[in-house]
Amino acid sequence: MENASKALIMAGSVLISIMVISLLVLGYNQMSHLEQTREDADAVDKLADYMRRFEQFDRTVYGSELLSLGNLQQDYNLSDARIDVGYAPIEITVEITKEISDSEYFKPKTYKIEELAEEQEEIETEIEEYEKPNDNYNNKSAKYYSQKTNREIAIDFGYTEIPSNILEYDIEDYIEENKAKGRYSAFKACMEDIQKYVNLKSIYNEFRTGKQFKCQEMKYDEYTGRLKEMVFVEI
C-alpha cells in the first residue's frame, strides 16, 4: 500500500512537471508571437512613414529637392522595413528637357534618379579639385582667385607694374601682348581654371535652383496599394 502511494505521488509529480513545461513552452510561444507581431507592426509603421515622405514630393520641385528625394529612395529601397515586409523597391525617373549651356552634365534625356545622383557626385568631385590649394598658384586655389579681381590676381603672380588705366577685362591681354615680367604660364593656367570652376559652379547651381520638375505620375501596386514608381518631367 505504501509503495502504491509513492507511485501515485511520483506520477503526480511527473504530470505536474509536464504541465509546467507545457505552460512555459506555451508562454514562450505566445511571447515570441507577440514580439513578431510587434516587429511586423513597427515595419508597417515605418513603411507608412516612408510613403508619407514620398508623397510630399507629389508637386513641382527644384533639382536640389530631386536629389534629396534620391537619398530618400535609396534609404527606403535598402531599409529593413521594406525588405522584411517584402514590398518592392520604388523606382523614380526624371526627364530633363532643357540643356544647360556649355554643360556636359544634366543633358536632356530621361534619367533614373540614381543616375542623377551619380552626375551630382561627379560634378561635385570635379568642383572640389578646383577648391584645393595648388602649389603653382601660390598655394591658393582657383576658388580663392575666382573671388579676386584680375589686377589682384596678376599682382599675386608677379605683375606689379600694370598701368592703372588698364581696365579689368584688358589685363590678361595686356600681360600677353606686352610680355610683362611675371609667372605667365602659371597665371594663364590659373585664369583658365577659374573659368572652368566658375562654369561648373554655374551648371551645378542651375540644376539645383534653376530647374523645376513636375511630378507627372505616382504609380501604386495594384495588390499592396504601396507606391512603386514616380515620374518627374522638367517644366
C-alpha atoms as a PDB file:
ATOM      1  CA  MET A   1       0.000   0.000   0.000  1.00  0.00           C
ATOM      2  CA  GLU A   2       2.818   2.287   0.869  1.00  0.00           C
ATOM      3  CA  ASN A   3       4.550   1.547  -2.468  1.00  0.00           C
ATOM      4  CA  ALA A   4       1.339   2.327  -4.340  1.00  0.00           C
ATOM      5  CA  SER A   5       1.098   5.711  -2.606  1.00  0.00           C
ATOM      6  CA  LYS A   6       4.674   6.525  -3.546  1.00  0.00           C
ATOM      7  CA  ALA A   7       3.998   5.552  -7.126  1.00  0.00           C
ATOM      8  CA  LEU A   8       0.979   7.837  -7.271  1.00  0.00           C
ATOM      9  CA  ILE A   9       2.994  10.690  -5.791  1.00  0.00           C
ATOM     10  CA  MET A  10       5.762  10.182  -8.382  1.00  0.00           C
ATOM     11  CA  ALA A  11       3.233  10.003 -11.204  1.00  0.00           C
ATOM     12  CA  GLY A  12       1.591  13.160  -9.948  1.00  0.00           C
ATOM     13  CA  SER A  13       4.967  14.914  -9.794  1.00  0.00           C
ATOM     14  CA  VAL A  14       5.778  13.909 -13.351  1.00  0.00           C
ATOM     15  CA  LEU A  15       2.368  15.087 -14.541  1.00  0.00           C
ATOM     16  CA  ILE A  16       2.799  18.418 -12.770  1.00  0.00           C
ATOM     17  CA  SER A  17       6.268  18.801 -14.307  1.00  0.00           C
ATOM     18  CA  ILE A  18       4.881  18.092 -17.763  1.00  0.00           C
ATOM     19  CA  MET A  19       2.112  20.638 -17.222  1.00  0.00           C
ATOM     20  CA  VAL A  20       4.602  23.264 -16.011  1.00  0.00           C
ATOM     21  CA  ILE A  21       6.880  22.664 -19.004  1.00  0.00           C
ATOM     22  CA  SER A  22       3.893  22.820 -21.356  1.00  0.00           C
ATOM     23  CA  LEU A  23       2.796  26.110 -19.830  1.00  0.00           C
ATOM     24  CA  LEU A  24       6.330  27.516 -20.158  1.00  0.00           C
ATOM     25  CA  VAL A  25       6.528  26.463 -23.805  1.00  0.00           C
ATOM     26  CA  LEU A  26       3.092  27.927 -24.472  1.00  0.00           C
ATOM     27  CA  GLY A  27       4.051  31.160 -22.740  1.00  0.00           C
ATOM     28  CA  TYR A  28       7.294  31.366 -24.711  1.00  0.00           C
ATOM     29  CA  ASN A  29       5.473  30.790 -27.999  1.00  0.00           C
ATOM     30  CA  GLN A  30       2.925  33.448 -27.136  1.00  0.00           C
ATOM     31  CA  MET A  31       5.669  35.930 -26.227  1.00  0.00           C
ATOM     32  CA  SER A  32       7.509  35.133 -29.463  1.00  0.00           C
ATOM     33  CA  HIS A  33       4.313  35.623 -31.425  1.00  0.00           C
ATOM     34  CA  LEU A  34       3.635  38.932 -29.685  1.00  0.00           C
ATOM     35  CA  GLU A  35       7.210  40.076 -30.355  1.00  0.00           C
ATOM     36  CA  GLN A  36       6.920  39.121 -34.024  1.00  0.00           C
ATOM     37  CA  THR A  37       3.572  40.903 -34.253  1.00  0.00           C
ATOM     38  CA  ARG A  38       5.134  43.982 -32.679  1.00  0.00           C
ATOM     39  CA  GLU A  39       8.078  43.875 -35.116  1.00  0.00           C
ATOM     40  CA  ASP A  40       5.714  43.483 -38.078  1.00  0.00           C
ATOM     41  CA  ALA A  41       3.646  46.420 -36.841  1.00  0.00           C
ATOM     42  CA  ASP A  42       6.803  48.528 -36.479  1.00  0.00           C
ATOM     43  CA  ALA A  43       7.842  47.627 -40.030  1.00  0.00           C
ATOM     44  CA  VAL A  44       4.409  48.585 -41.385  1.00  0.00           C
ATOM     45  CA  ASP A  45       4.562  51.882 -39.454  1.00  0.00           C
ATOM     46  CA  LYS A  46       7.988  52.617 -40.929  1.00  0.00           C
ATOM     47  CA  LEU A  47       6.701  51.885 -44.414  1.00  0.00           C
ATOM     48  CA  ALA A  48       3.716  54.150 -43.869  1.00  0.00           C
ATOM     49  CA  ASP A  49       6.079  56.906 -42.728  1.00  0.00           C
ATOM     50  CA  TYR A  50       8.171  56.427 -45.880  1.00  0.00           C
ATOM     51  CA  MET A  51       5.037  56.633 -48.041  1.00  0.00           C
ATOM     52  CA  ARG A  52       4.058  59.954 -46.460  1.00  0.00           C
ATOM     53  CA  ARG A  53       7.541  61.324 -47.061  1.00  0.00           C
ATOM     54  CA  PHE A  54       7.494  60.279 -50.730  1.00  0.00           C
ATOM     55  CA  GLU A  55       4.015  61.668 -51.292  1.00  0.00           C
ATOM     56  CA  GLN A  56       5.213  65.093 -50.109  1.00  0.00           C
ATOM     57  CA  PHE A  57       7.072  65.288 -53.438  1.00  0.00           C
ATOM     58  CA  ASP A  58       3.868  64.957 -55.481  1.00  0.00           C
ATOM     59  CA  ARG A  59       4.229  68.550 -56.697  1.00  0.00           C
ATOM     60  CA  THR A  60       6.661  70.815 -58.565  1.00  0.00           C
ATOM     61  CA  VAL A  61      10.166  70.562 -57.128  1.00  0.00           C
ATOM     62  CA  TYR A  62      13.609  72.062 -57.720  1.00  0.00           C
ATOM     63  CA  GLY A  63      16.621  69.988 -58.752  1.00  0.00           C
ATOM     64  CA  SER A  64      18.012  70.105 -55.224  1.00  0.00           C
ATOM     65  CA  GLU A  65      14.775  68.563 -53.932  1.00  0.00           C
ATOM     66  CA  LEU A  66      15.025  65.790 -56.517  1.00  0.00           C
ATOM     67  CA  LEU A  67      18.475  64.929 -55.192  1.00  0.00           C
ATOM     68  CA  SER A  68      17.041  64.798 -51.664  1.00  0.00           C
ATOM     69  CA  LEU A  69      14.303  62.517 -52.993  1.00  0.00           C
ATOM     70  CA  GLY A  70      17.024  60.285 -54.443  1.00  0.00           C
ATOM     71  CA  ASN A  71      18.552  59.929 -50.982  1.00  0.00           C
ATOM     72  CA  LEU A  72      15.122  59.048 -49.564  1.00  0.00           C
ATOM     73  CA  GLN A  73      14.614  56.447 -52.287  1.00  0.00           C
ATOM     74  CA  GLN A  74      17.970  54.847 -51.523  1.00  0.00           C
ATOM     75  CA  ASP A  75      17.175  54.721 -47.795  1.00  0.00           C
ATOM     76  CA  TYR A  76      13.806  53.134 -48.492  1.00  0.00           C
ATOM     77  CA  ASN A  77      14.990  50.578 -51.045  1.00  0.00           C
ATOM     78  CA  LEU A  78      17.721  49.361 -48.691  1.00  0.00           C
ATOM     79  CA  SER A  79      15.682  49.592 -45.484  1.00  0.00           C
ATOM     80  CA  ASP A  80      14.991  46.584 -43.294  1.00  0.00           C
ATOM     81  CA  ALA A  81      11.357  47.689 -43.133  1.00  0.00           C
ATOM     82  CA  ARG A  82      10.839  47.243 -46.880  1.00  0.00           C
ATOM     83  CA  ILE A  83      12.883  44.050 -47.173  1.00  0.00           C
ATOM     84  CA  ASP A  84      11.366  42.351 -44.119  1.00  0.00           C
ATOM     85  CA  VAL A  85       7.787  43.068 -45.138  1.00  0.00           C
ATOM     86  CA  GLY A  86       8.571  42.134 -48.738  1.00  0.00           C
ATOM     87  CA  TYR A  87       7.384  45.192 -50.672  1.00  0.00           C
ATOM     88  CA  ALA A  88       9.048  46.023 -53.992  1.00  0.00           C
ATOM     89  CA  PRO A  89      11.547  48.911 -54.251  1.00  0.00           C
ATOM     90  CA  ILE A  90      10.413  52.301 -55.550  1.00  0.00           C
ATOM     91  CA  GLU A  91      11.624  53.478 -58.961  1.00  0.00           C
ATOM     92  CA  ILE A  92      11.921  57.174 -59.830  1.00  0.00           C
ATOM     93  CA  THR A  93      12.560  58.589 -63.305  1.00  0.00           C
ATOM     94  CA  VAL A  94      13.363  62.188 -64.237  1.00  0.00           C
ATOM     95  CA  GLU A  95      13.092  63.693 -67.719  1.00  0.00           C
ATOM     96  CA  ILE A  96      15.314  66.712 -68.376  1.00  0.00           C
ATOM     97  CA  THR A  97      14.019  68.656 -71.360  1.00  0.00           C
ATOM     98  CA  LYS A  98      16.254  71.760 -71.418  1.00  0.00           C
ATOM     99  CA  GLU A  99      20.008  71.832 -71.941  1.00  0.00           C
ATOM    100  CA  ILE A 100      22.295  73.868 -69.702  1.00  0.00           C
ATOM    101  CA  SER A 101      24.610  75.941 -71.881  1.00  0.00           C
ATOM    102  CA  ASP A 102      28.186  74.614 -72.234  1.00  0.00           C
ATOM    103  CA  SER A 103      27.439  71.711 -69.907  1.00  0.00           C
ATOM    104  CA  GLU A 104      28.496  68.073 -70.094  1.00  0.00           C
ATOM    105  CA  TYR A 105      26.243  67.372 -67.144  1.00  0.00           C
ATOM    106  CA  PHE A 106      22.448  67.042 -66.816  1.00  0.00           C
ATOM    107  CA  LYS A 107      21.863  66.647 -70.555  1.00  0.00           C
ATOM    108  CA  PRO A 108      18.287  66.463 -71.900  1.00  0.00           C
ATOM    109  CA  LYS A 109      17.144  62.827 -71.594  1.00  0.00           C
ATOM    110  CA  THR A 110      15.301  60.537 -69.203  1.00  0.00           C
ATOM    111  CA  TYR A 111      17.324  59.517 -66.144  1.00  0.00           C
ATOM    112  CA  LYS A 112      16.822  57.088 -63.342  1.00  0.00           C
ATOM    113  CA  ILE A 113      17.196  59.192 -60.229  1.00  0.00           C
ATOM    114  CA  GLU A 114      20.245  57.105 -59.264  1.00  0.00           C
ATOM    115  CA  GLU A 115      21.943  58.320 -62.466  1.00  0.00           C
ATOM    116  CA  LEU A 116      21.260  61.922 -61.494  1.00  0.00           C
ATOM    117  CA  ALA A 117      22.848  61.234 -58.105  1.00  0.00           C
ATOM    118  CA  GLU A 118      25.919  59.876 -59.906  1.00  0.00           C
ATOM    119  CA  GLU A 119      26.145  63.020 -62.060  1.00  0.00           C
ATOM    120  CA  GLN A 120      25.827  65.156 -58.946  1.00  0.00           C
ATOM    121  CA  GLU A 121      28.683  63.241 -57.327  1.00  0.00           C
ATOM    122  CA  GLU A 122      30.832  63.592 -60.454  1.00  0.00           C
ATOM    123  CA  ILE A 123      30.376  67.351 -60.768  1.00  0.00           C
ATOM    124  CA  GLU A 124      30.912  67.845 -57.019  1.00  0.00           C
ATOM    125  CA  THR A 125      34.159  65.867 -57.227  1.00  0.00           C
ATOM    126  CA  GLU A 126      35.328  67.984 -60.171  1.00  0.00           C
ATOM    127  CA  ILE A 127      34.424  71.200 -58.349  1.00  0.00           C
ATOM    128  CA  GLU A 128      36.317  70.080 -55.250  1.00  0.00           C
ATOM    129  CA  GLU A 129      39.524  69.759 -57.286  1.00  0.00           C
ATOM    130  CA  TYR A 130      39.385  73.485 -58.071  1.00  0.00           C
ATOM    131  CA  GLU A 131      38.816  74.272 -54.408  1.00  0.00           C
ATOM    132  CA  LYS A 132      42.087  72.664 -53.265  1.00  0.00           C
ATOM    133  CA  PRO A 133      45.285  74.730 -52.804  1.00  0.00           C
ATOM    134  CA  ASN A 134      47.637  74.495 -55.777  1.00  0.00           C
ATOM    135  CA  ASP A 135      51.418  74.821 -55.476  1.00  0.00           C
ATOM    136  CA  ASN A 136      51.565  76.605 -58.834  1.00  0.00           C
ATOM    137  CA  TYR A 137      49.026  79.155 -57.637  1.00  0.00           C
ATOM    138  CA  ASN A 138      50.914  80.416 -54.585  1.00  0.00           C
ATOM    139  CA  ASN A 139      49.399  77.575 -52.557  1.00  0.00           C
ATOM    140  CA  LYS A 140      45.960  79.021 -53.183  1.00  0.00           C
ATOM    141  CA  SER A 141      43.007  77.609 -55.109  1.00  0.00           C
ATOM    142  CA  ALA A 142      41.101  78.527 -58.248  1.00  0.00           C
ATOM    143  CA  LYS A 143      38.132  79.097 -55.948  1.00  0.00           C
ATOM    144  CA  TYR A 144      40.168  81.627 -53.935  1.00  0.00           C
ATOM    145  CA  TYR A 145      41.220  83.537 -57.059  1.00  0.00           C
ATOM    146  CA  SER A 146      37.691  83.438 -58.505  1.00  0.00           C
ATOM    147  CA  GLN A 147      36.756  85.938 -55.800  1.00  0.00           C
ATOM    148  CA  LYS A 148      39.589  88.344 -56.728  1.00  0.00           C
ATOM    149  CA  THR A 149      39.869  91.000 -59.420  1.00  0.00           C
ATOM    150  CA  ASN A 150      42.113  90.338 -62.419  1.00  0.00           C
ATOM    151  CA  ARG A 151      44.511  93.007 -61.165  1.00  0.00           C
ATOM    152  CA  GLU A 152      44.752  91.366 -57.746  1.00  0.00           C
ATOM    153  CA  ILE A 153      45.426  88.006 -59.386  1.00  0.00           C
ATOM    154  CA  ALA A 154      48.085  89.491 -61.668  1.00  0.00           C
ATOM    155  CA  ILE A 155      49.884  91.105 -58.716  1.00  0.00           C
ATOM    156  CA  ASP A 156      49.942  87.748 -56.908  1.00  0.00           C
ATOM    157  CA  PHE A 157      51.714  86.256 -59.932  1.00  0.00           C
ATOM    158  CA  GLY A 158      54.351  88.975 -60.021  1.00  0.00           C
ATOM    159  CA  TYR A 159      52.777  91.544 -62.330  1.00  0.00           C
ATOM    160  CA  THR A 160      53.183  94.623 -60.164  1.00  0.00           C
ATOM    161  CA  GLU A 161      53.745  97.261 -62.868  1.00  0.00           C
ATOM    162  CA  ILE A 162      50.488  97.136 -64.835  1.00  0.00           C
ATOM    163  CA  PRO A 163      49.383 100.734 -65.570  1.00  0.00           C
ATOM    164  CA  SER A 164      46.408 101.895 -63.542  1.00  0.00           C
ATOM    165  CA  ASN A 165      44.493 102.891 -66.675  1.00  0.00           C
ATOM    166  CA  ILE A 166      44.318  99.287 -67.922  1.00  0.00           C
ATOM    167  CA  LEU A 167      40.769  98.012 -67.427  1.00  0.00           C
ATOM    168  CA  GLU A 168      39.981  94.758 -65.615  1.00  0.00           C
ATOM    169  CA  TYR A 169      38.933  92.813 -68.688  1.00  0.00           C
ATOM    170  CA  ASP A 170      42.028  94.031 -70.594  1.00  0.00           C
ATOM    171  CA  ILE A 171      44.613  92.952 -68.025  1.00  0.00           C
ATOM    172  CA  GLU A 172      45.096  89.416 -69.342  1.00  0.00           C
ATOM    173  CA  ASP A 173      45.534  90.674 -72.917  1.00  0.00           C
ATOM    174  CA  TYR A 174      47.928  93.403 -71.715  1.00  0.00           C
ATOM    175  CA  ILE A 175      50.146  90.840 -69.972  1.00  0.00           C
ATOM    176  CA  GLU A 176      50.227  88.613 -73.063  1.00  0.00           C
ATOM    177  CA  GLU A 177      50.830  91.404 -75.557  1.00  0.00           C
ATOM    178  CA  ASN A 178      53.466  93.240 -73.553  1.00  0.00           C
ATOM    179  CA  LYS A 179      55.354  90.202 -72.252  1.00  0.00           C
ATOM    180  CA  ALA A 180      55.207  91.723 -68.815  1.00  0.00           C
ATOM    181  CA  LYS A 181      57.523  90.246 -66.219  1.00  0.00           C
ATOM    182  CA  GLY A 182      55.919  87.610 -64.065  1.00  0.00           C
ATOM    183  CA  ARG A 183      54.905  83.937 -63.954  1.00  0.00           C
ATOM    184  CA  TYR A 184      52.960  83.889 -67.183  1.00  0.00           C
ATOM    185  CA  SER A 185      52.304  80.137 -67.612  1.00  0.00           C
ATOM    186  CA  ALA A 186      51.067  79.787 -64.014  1.00  0.00           C
ATOM    187  CA  PHE A 187      48.970  82.956 -64.335  1.00  0.00           C
ATOM    188  CA  LYS A 188      47.438  81.752 -67.605  1.00  0.00           C
ATOM    189  CA  ALA A 189      46.660  78.282 -66.183  1.00  0.00           C
ATOM    190  CA  CYS A 190      45.087  79.845 -63.113  1.00  0.00           C
ATOM    191  CA  MET A 191      42.856  82.092 -65.210  1.00  0.00           C
ATOM    192  CA  GLU A 192      41.706  79.089 -67.248  1.00  0.00           C
ATOM    193  CA  ASP A 193      40.965  77.092 -64.087  1.00  0.00           C
ATOM    194  CA  ILE A 194      38.997  79.996 -62.672  1.00  0.00           C
ATOM    195  CA  GLN A 195      36.790  79.973 -65.769  1.00  0.00           C
ATOM    196  CA  LYS A 196      36.290  76.203 -65.545  1.00  0.00           C
ATOM    197  CA  TYR A 197      35.466  76.435 -61.850  1.00  0.00           C
ATOM    198  CA  VAL A 198      33.000  79.277 -62.316  1.00  0.00           C
ATOM    199  CA  ASN A 199      31.340  77.397 -65.184  1.00  0.00           C
ATOM    200  CA  LEU A 200      30.994  74.187 -63.157  1.00  0.00           C
ATOM    201  CA  LYS A 201      29.519  76.071 -60.212  1.00  0.00           C
ATOM    202  CA  SER A 202      27.077  77.787 -62.548  1.00  0.00           C
ATOM    203  CA  ILE A 203      25.957  74.432 -64.013  1.00  0.00           C
ATOM    204  CA  TYR A 204      25.630  72.920 -60.558  1.00  0.00           C
ATOM    205  CA  ASN A 205      23.584  75.823 -59.214  1.00  0.00           C
ATOM    206  CA  GLU A 206      21.472  76.000 -62.371  1.00  0.00           C
ATOM    207  CA  PHE A 207      20.385  72.392 -61.907  1.00  0.00           C
ATOM    208  CA  ARG A 208      19.798  72.698 -58.180  1.00  0.00           C
ATOM    209  CA  THR A 209      17.952  76.022 -58.065  1.00  0.00           C
ATOM    210  CA  GLY A 210      17.162  76.985 -61.661  1.00  0.00           C
ATOM    211  CA  LYS A 211      15.420  73.868 -62.927  1.00  0.00           C
ATOM    212  CA  GLN A 212      11.938  72.785 -61.861  1.00  0.00           C
ATOM    213  CA  PHE A 213      10.322  69.398 -62.287  1.00  0.00           C
ATOM    214  CA  LYS A 214       6.666  68.437 -62.001  1.00  0.00           C
ATOM    215  CA  CYS A 215       5.613  65.068 -60.614  1.00  0.00           C
ATOM    216  CA  GLN A 216       3.573  63.755 -63.542  1.00  0.00           C
ATOM    217  CA  GLU A 217       2.667  60.341 -62.167  1.00  0.00           C
ATOM    218  CA  MET A 218       2.542  58.328 -58.953  1.00  0.00           C
ATOM    219  CA  LYS A 219       2.059  54.611 -59.603  1.00  0.00           C
ATOM    220  CA  TYR A 220       0.860  52.203 -56.901  1.00  0.00           C
ATOM    221  CA  ASP A 221       0.971  48.412 -56.714  1.00  0.00           C
ATOM    222  CA  GLU A 222      -2.498  47.058 -57.531  1.00  0.00           C
ATOM    223  CA  TYR A 223      -2.231  44.326 -54.869  1.00  0.00           C
ATOM    224  CA  THR A 224      -0.478  46.014 -51.960  1.00  0.00           C
ATOM    225  CA  GLY A 225      -1.526  49.607 -52.627  1.00  0.00           C
ATOM    226  CA  ARG A 226       2.066  50.701 -51.998  1.00  0.00           C
ATOM    227  CA  LEU A 227       3.844  53.338 -54.082  1.00  0.00           C
ATOM    228  CA  LYS A 228       6.075  51.715 -56.691  1.00  0.00           C
ATOM    229  CA  GLU A 229       7.006  54.448 -59.165  1.00  0.00           C
ATOM    230  CA  MET A 230       7.287  58.244 -59.532  1.00  0.00           C
ATOM    231  CA  VAL A 231       7.763  60.156 -62.784  1.00  0.00           C
ATOM    232  CA  PHE A 232       9.095  63.740 -62.979  1.00  0.00           C
ATOM    233  CA  VAL A 233       9.319  65.952 -66.081  1.00  0.00           C
ATOM    234  CA  GLU A 234      11.105  69.305 -66.340  1.00  0.00           C
ATOM    235  CA  ILE A 235       8.792  72.251 -66.872  1.00  0.00           C
END
